[in-house]
N, C-alpha and C. Protein backbone atom coordinates (compact mmCIF):
# COMPACT_ATOMS: atom_id res chain seq x y z
N MET A 1 -37.28 296.75 35.79
CA MET A 1 -35.91 296.52 36.20
C MET A 1 -35.08 296.18 34.97
N LYS A 2 -33.85 296.73 34.95
CA LYS A 2 -32.92 296.49 33.85
C LYS A 2 -31.58 296.04 34.42
N ILE A 3 -30.86 295.27 33.63
CA ILE A 3 -29.48 294.94 33.97
C ILE A 3 -28.62 295.21 32.74
N TYR A 4 -27.60 296.04 32.95
CA TYR A 4 -26.59 296.24 31.91
C TYR A 4 -25.61 295.10 32.10
N HIS A 5 -25.60 294.20 31.14
CA HIS A 5 -25.03 292.87 31.31
C HIS A 5 -23.96 292.58 30.26
N ASN A 6 -22.94 291.84 30.70
CA ASN A 6 -21.91 291.33 29.80
C ASN A 6 -21.94 289.81 29.96
N THR A 7 -22.32 289.12 28.90
CA THR A 7 -22.48 287.66 28.97
C THR A 7 -21.16 286.93 29.24
N ARG A 8 -20.04 287.61 29.02
CA ARG A 8 -18.73 286.97 29.22
C ARG A 8 -18.16 287.24 30.61
N CYS A 9 -18.90 287.96 31.43
CA CYS A 9 -18.44 288.32 32.78
C CYS A 9 -19.11 287.42 33.81
N THR A 10 -18.32 286.70 34.57
CA THR A 10 -18.85 285.80 35.58
C THR A 10 -19.69 286.54 36.61
N THR A 11 -19.21 287.68 37.07
CA THR A 11 -19.95 288.45 38.08
C THR A 11 -21.29 288.91 37.53
N SER A 12 -21.30 289.35 36.29
CA SER A 12 -22.54 289.80 35.66
C SER A 12 -23.52 288.63 35.56
N CYS A 13 -23.03 287.47 35.18
CA CYS A 13 -23.89 286.28 35.07
C CYS A 13 -24.44 285.87 36.44
N LYS A 14 -23.60 285.93 37.47
CA LYS A 14 -24.05 285.59 38.82
C LYS A 14 -25.11 286.57 39.31
N THR A 15 -24.94 287.84 38.96
CA THR A 15 -25.92 288.85 39.36
C THR A 15 -27.26 288.58 38.69
N LEU A 16 -27.23 288.26 37.41
CA LEU A 16 -28.46 287.94 36.69
C LEU A 16 -29.13 286.71 37.29
N GLU A 17 -28.34 285.70 37.61
CA GLU A 17 -28.89 284.48 38.24
C GLU A 17 -29.54 284.81 39.58
N LEU A 18 -28.91 285.69 40.36
CA LEU A 18 -29.46 286.08 41.65
C LEU A 18 -30.81 286.76 41.48
N LEU A 19 -30.90 287.67 40.51
CA LEU A 19 -32.17 288.36 40.26
C LEU A 19 -33.26 287.35 39.86
N LYS A 20 -32.91 286.43 38.99
CA LYS A 20 -33.88 285.42 38.55
C LYS A 20 -34.30 284.51 39.71
N SER A 21 -33.37 284.21 40.61
CA SER A 21 -33.69 283.36 41.76
C SER A 21 -34.67 284.05 42.71
N LYS A 22 -34.75 285.38 42.62
CA LYS A 22 -35.70 286.16 43.43
C LYS A 22 -37.02 286.35 42.69
N GLY A 23 -37.18 285.65 41.56
CA GLY A 23 -38.41 285.73 40.81
C GLY A 23 -38.51 286.93 39.89
N LEU A 24 -37.39 287.58 39.66
CA LEU A 24 -37.37 288.77 38.81
C LEU A 24 -36.92 288.41 37.40
N ASN A 25 -37.43 289.13 36.44
CA ASN A 25 -37.07 288.92 35.04
C ASN A 25 -36.69 290.27 34.43
N PRO A 26 -35.48 290.75 34.75
CA PRO A 26 -35.09 292.08 34.29
C PRO A 26 -34.89 292.15 32.78
N GLU A 27 -35.07 293.34 32.25
CA GLU A 27 -34.71 293.59 30.85
C GLU A 27 -33.19 293.51 30.77
N ILE A 28 -32.68 292.68 29.88
CA ILE A 28 -31.24 292.49 29.76
C ILE A 28 -30.71 293.36 28.63
N ILE A 29 -29.78 294.23 28.98
CA ILE A 29 -29.16 295.11 27.99
C ILE A 29 -27.71 294.68 27.84
N ASP A 30 -27.38 294.14 26.69
CA ASP A 30 -25.99 293.78 26.38
C ASP A 30 -25.30 295.08 25.97
N TYR A 31 -24.70 295.74 26.95
CA TYR A 31 -24.19 297.10 26.72
C TYR A 31 -22.99 297.15 25.78
N LEU A 32 -22.37 296.02 25.49
CA LEU A 32 -21.28 296.04 24.51
C LEU A 32 -21.84 296.04 23.09
N LYS A 33 -22.99 295.39 22.89
CA LYS A 33 -23.64 295.38 21.57
C LYS A 33 -24.53 296.60 21.38
N ASN A 34 -25.13 297.07 22.47
CA ASN A 34 -26.03 298.23 22.45
C ASN A 34 -25.59 299.21 23.53
N PRO A 35 -24.49 299.93 23.28
CA PRO A 35 -23.95 300.80 24.32
C PRO A 35 -24.91 301.94 24.69
N PRO A 36 -24.87 302.35 25.95
CA PRO A 36 -25.71 303.47 26.36
C PRO A 36 -25.24 304.76 25.69
N THR A 37 -26.20 305.63 25.40
CA THR A 37 -25.88 306.94 24.85
C THR A 37 -25.32 307.82 25.96
N LEU A 38 -24.83 308.97 25.58
CA LEU A 38 -24.32 309.93 26.56
C LEU A 38 -25.43 310.31 27.55
N ASP A 39 -26.64 310.54 27.05
CA ASP A 39 -27.76 310.88 27.94
C ASP A 39 -28.11 309.72 28.87
N GLU A 40 -28.06 308.50 28.35
CA GLU A 40 -28.33 307.33 29.20
C GLU A 40 -27.26 307.17 30.27
N LEU A 41 -26.01 307.46 29.92
CA LEU A 41 -24.93 307.40 30.91
C LEU A 41 -25.14 308.45 32.00
N LYS A 42 -25.54 309.65 31.61
CA LYS A 42 -25.82 310.71 32.60
C LYS A 42 -26.93 310.27 33.54
N ASP A 43 -27.95 309.64 32.99
CA ASP A 43 -29.06 309.15 33.80
C ASP A 43 -28.59 308.04 34.75
N LEU A 44 -27.75 307.14 34.25
CA LEU A 44 -27.21 306.07 35.10
C LEU A 44 -26.41 306.64 36.27
N ILE A 45 -25.55 307.61 35.98
CA ILE A 45 -24.73 308.23 37.02
C ILE A 45 -25.61 308.85 38.10
N LYS A 46 -26.66 309.52 37.66
CA LYS A 46 -27.60 310.14 38.61
C LYS A 46 -28.25 309.07 39.48
N LYS A 47 -28.70 307.98 38.87
CA LYS A 47 -29.35 306.91 39.62
C LYS A 47 -28.38 306.17 40.54
N LEU A 48 -27.13 306.05 40.10
CA LEU A 48 -26.11 305.39 40.92
C LEU A 48 -25.66 306.28 42.07
N GLY A 49 -25.73 307.61 41.88
CA GLY A 49 -25.28 308.54 42.90
C GLY A 49 -23.78 308.56 43.06
N ILE A 50 -23.07 308.36 41.94
CA ILE A 50 -21.60 308.36 41.98
C ILE A 50 -21.06 309.30 40.90
N PRO A 51 -19.82 309.75 41.06
CA PRO A 51 -19.22 310.54 39.98
C PRO A 51 -18.89 309.63 38.79
N PRO A 52 -18.90 310.17 37.58
CA PRO A 52 -18.63 309.35 36.39
C PRO A 52 -17.34 308.55 36.46
N GLU A 53 -16.32 309.11 37.06
CA GLU A 53 -15.03 308.41 37.15
C GLU A 53 -15.17 307.06 37.86
N ASN A 54 -16.09 306.96 38.81
CA ASN A 54 -16.28 305.71 39.56
C ASN A 54 -16.94 304.62 38.74
N LEU A 55 -17.41 304.96 37.56
CA LEU A 55 -18.03 303.97 36.67
C LEU A 55 -17.02 303.37 35.70
N VAL A 56 -15.78 303.84 35.77
CA VAL A 56 -14.74 303.43 34.82
C VAL A 56 -13.97 302.22 35.36
N ARG A 57 -13.80 301.23 34.50
CA ARG A 57 -12.99 300.05 34.81
C ARG A 57 -11.53 300.40 34.50
N LYS A 58 -10.82 300.83 35.52
CA LYS A 58 -9.46 301.35 35.32
C LYS A 58 -8.41 300.26 35.19
N LYS A 59 -8.79 299.02 35.35
CA LYS A 59 -7.82 297.93 35.18
C LYS A 59 -7.88 297.32 33.78
N GLU A 60 -8.81 297.80 32.96
CA GLU A 60 -8.90 297.32 31.58
C GLU A 60 -7.67 297.79 30.80
N LYS A 61 -7.19 296.92 29.93
CA LYS A 61 -6.01 297.20 29.12
C LYS A 61 -6.15 298.51 28.34
N ILE A 62 -7.32 298.72 27.74
CA ILE A 62 -7.54 299.92 26.94
C ILE A 62 -7.39 301.19 27.79
N PHE A 63 -7.82 301.13 29.05
CA PHE A 63 -7.68 302.28 29.93
C PHE A 63 -6.22 302.50 30.29
N ILE A 64 -5.56 301.44 30.71
CA ILE A 64 -4.17 301.54 31.14
C ILE A 64 -3.28 302.07 30.02
N GLU A 65 -3.49 301.56 28.82
CA GLU A 65 -2.63 301.95 27.70
C GLU A 65 -2.92 303.34 27.15
N ASN A 66 -4.15 303.81 27.30
CA ASN A 66 -4.52 305.06 26.63
C ASN A 66 -4.91 306.22 27.54
N TYR A 67 -5.35 305.94 28.76
CA TYR A 67 -5.95 307.01 29.55
C TYR A 67 -5.45 307.13 30.98
N SER A 68 -4.64 306.20 31.45
CA SER A 68 -4.30 306.15 32.87
C SER A 68 -3.55 307.37 33.38
N ASN A 69 -2.85 308.08 32.52
CA ASN A 69 -2.08 309.24 32.97
C ASN A 69 -2.80 310.56 32.75
N ASN A 70 -4.09 310.50 32.47
CA ASN A 70 -4.87 311.70 32.20
C ASN A 70 -5.83 311.98 33.34
N SER A 71 -6.18 313.25 33.47
CA SER A 71 -7.27 313.62 34.38
C SER A 71 -8.38 314.21 33.52
N PHE A 72 -9.62 313.91 33.88
CA PHE A 72 -10.76 314.30 33.07
C PHE A 72 -11.81 315.00 33.92
N SER A 73 -12.59 315.84 33.28
CA SER A 73 -13.78 316.41 33.92
C SER A 73 -14.87 315.35 33.91
N ASP A 74 -15.96 315.59 34.63
CA ASP A 74 -17.07 314.64 34.63
C ASP A 74 -17.60 314.42 33.22
N ASP A 75 -17.75 315.49 32.45
CA ASP A 75 -18.24 315.36 31.07
C ASP A 75 -17.28 314.56 30.21
N GLU A 76 -15.99 314.74 30.43
CA GLU A 76 -14.99 313.97 29.66
C GLU A 76 -15.02 312.49 30.03
N TRP A 77 -15.22 312.19 31.31
CA TRP A 77 -15.35 310.78 31.73
C TRP A 77 -16.53 310.14 31.03
N LEU A 78 -17.66 310.87 31.00
CA LEU A 78 -18.86 310.33 30.35
C LEU A 78 -18.63 310.11 28.87
N GLU A 79 -17.96 311.04 28.22
CA GLU A 79 -17.64 310.89 26.79
C GLU A 79 -16.74 309.68 26.57
N LEU A 80 -15.77 309.50 27.44
CA LEU A 80 -14.87 308.34 27.36
C LEU A 80 -15.66 307.04 27.46
N LEU A 81 -16.61 306.98 28.38
CA LEU A 81 -17.43 305.78 28.54
C LEU A 81 -18.34 305.57 27.34
N ALA A 82 -18.88 306.65 26.80
CA ALA A 82 -19.75 306.53 25.63
C ALA A 82 -18.98 305.99 24.43
N GLN A 83 -17.72 306.39 24.30
CA GLN A 83 -16.89 305.96 23.18
C GLN A 83 -16.26 304.59 23.41
N ASN A 84 -16.16 304.18 24.67
CA ASN A 84 -15.49 302.92 25.03
C ASN A 84 -16.35 302.15 26.04
N PRO A 85 -17.47 301.58 25.61
CA PRO A 85 -18.36 300.91 26.57
C PRO A 85 -17.71 299.76 27.34
N LYS A 86 -16.63 299.22 26.82
CA LYS A 86 -15.92 298.16 27.53
C LYS A 86 -15.40 298.65 28.89
N LEU A 87 -15.25 299.96 29.02
CA LEU A 87 -14.73 300.53 30.26
C LEU A 87 -15.81 300.73 31.33
N ILE A 88 -17.07 300.45 31.00
CA ILE A 88 -18.15 300.65 31.96
C ILE A 88 -18.17 299.51 32.98
N GLN A 89 -18.21 299.89 34.27
CA GLN A 89 -18.34 298.88 35.33
C GLN A 89 -19.56 298.02 35.05
N ARG A 90 -19.49 296.78 35.47
CA ARG A 90 -20.60 295.86 35.22
C ARG A 90 -20.74 294.87 36.36
N PRO A 91 -21.91 294.34 36.51
CA PRO A 91 -23.18 294.72 35.90
C PRO A 91 -23.77 295.92 36.63
N ILE A 92 -24.66 296.61 35.96
CA ILE A 92 -25.41 297.69 36.60
C ILE A 92 -26.88 297.27 36.56
N VAL A 93 -27.50 297.30 37.72
CA VAL A 93 -28.92 296.97 37.82
C VAL A 93 -29.68 298.25 38.14
N VAL A 94 -30.73 298.51 37.36
CA VAL A 94 -31.55 299.70 37.53
C VAL A 94 -32.95 299.26 37.94
N ASN A 95 -33.45 299.88 38.99
CA ASN A 95 -34.82 299.62 39.44
C ASN A 95 -35.46 300.97 39.73
N GLY A 96 -36.29 301.43 38.81
CA GLY A 96 -36.92 302.74 38.96
C GLY A 96 -35.90 303.85 38.89
N ASN A 97 -35.85 304.68 39.94
CA ASN A 97 -34.93 305.82 39.98
C ASN A 97 -33.63 305.50 40.71
N ARG A 98 -33.40 304.23 40.96
CA ARG A 98 -32.17 303.83 41.66
C ARG A 98 -31.41 302.81 40.83
N ALA A 99 -30.11 302.79 41.03
CA ALA A 99 -29.26 301.81 40.34
C ALA A 99 -28.11 301.44 41.26
N ILE A 100 -27.52 300.30 40.99
CA ILE A 100 -26.38 299.84 41.77
C ILE A 100 -25.49 298.97 40.89
N ILE A 101 -24.20 299.00 41.18
CA ILE A 101 -23.25 298.13 40.50
C ILE A 101 -23.24 296.81 41.26
N GLY A 102 -23.43 295.72 40.54
CA GLY A 102 -23.53 294.39 41.16
C GLY A 102 -22.18 293.76 41.42
N ARG A 103 -21.34 294.44 42.13
CA ARG A 103 -20.04 293.92 42.54
C ARG A 103 -19.90 294.11 44.03
N PRO A 104 -20.06 293.06 44.80
CA PRO A 104 -20.40 291.69 44.43
C PRO A 104 -21.88 291.59 44.06
N PRO A 105 -22.29 290.46 43.50
CA PRO A 105 -23.68 290.32 43.07
C PRO A 105 -24.71 290.63 44.16
N GLU A 106 -24.38 290.33 45.40
CA GLU A 106 -25.32 290.55 46.51
C GLU A 106 -25.67 292.03 46.70
N ASN A 107 -24.87 292.93 46.14
CA ASN A 107 -25.18 294.36 46.22
C ASN A 107 -26.57 294.67 45.70
N VAL A 108 -27.02 293.93 44.69
CA VAL A 108 -28.30 294.25 44.05
C VAL A 108 -29.49 294.02 44.98
N ILE A 109 -29.31 293.26 46.03
CA ILE A 109 -30.40 293.01 46.98
C ILE A 109 -30.87 294.33 47.59
N LYS A 110 -29.99 295.32 47.68
CA LYS A 110 -30.35 296.63 48.23
C LYS A 110 -31.43 297.32 47.39
N LEU A 111 -31.56 296.93 46.12
CA LEU A 111 -32.55 297.54 45.24
C LEU A 111 -33.91 296.86 45.29
N LEU A 112 -33.97 295.68 45.87
CA LEU A 112 -35.21 294.90 45.83
C LEU A 112 -36.19 295.33 46.90
C-alpha cells in the first residue's frame, strides 16, 4: 500500500492517520519532493478509473492563473500534472491494482 502524501495538507494527514489506526503502514510518497513520472501518473489514472482532468486541483492559484481558460487532451492533462505536481489531487492511496483519492479520508476504507 502507498499513499501519495502532502505533509502540509490536513486531509492528507488525517487519511494517513486513518490508515495507521487500521494497523496499516503504507509507503509514504511525498509527491511534491518526489513527483510521479508521466508513466506513474498514467498508472495512477488507470488504477483510479478516472480521466486525468479529474486528478487536477483546479482551485490552486497556479491553475487559475495559468490554465483555467484552456482545454486539454488527456495526454496534455497528464503532462501538466507531471510538470506541476502541486496540482495533483491529494492524498491518493494505492492498494494493489486499485487507488482512491482520500477526500474525505473515509474514502480509503473502500480499498481495505
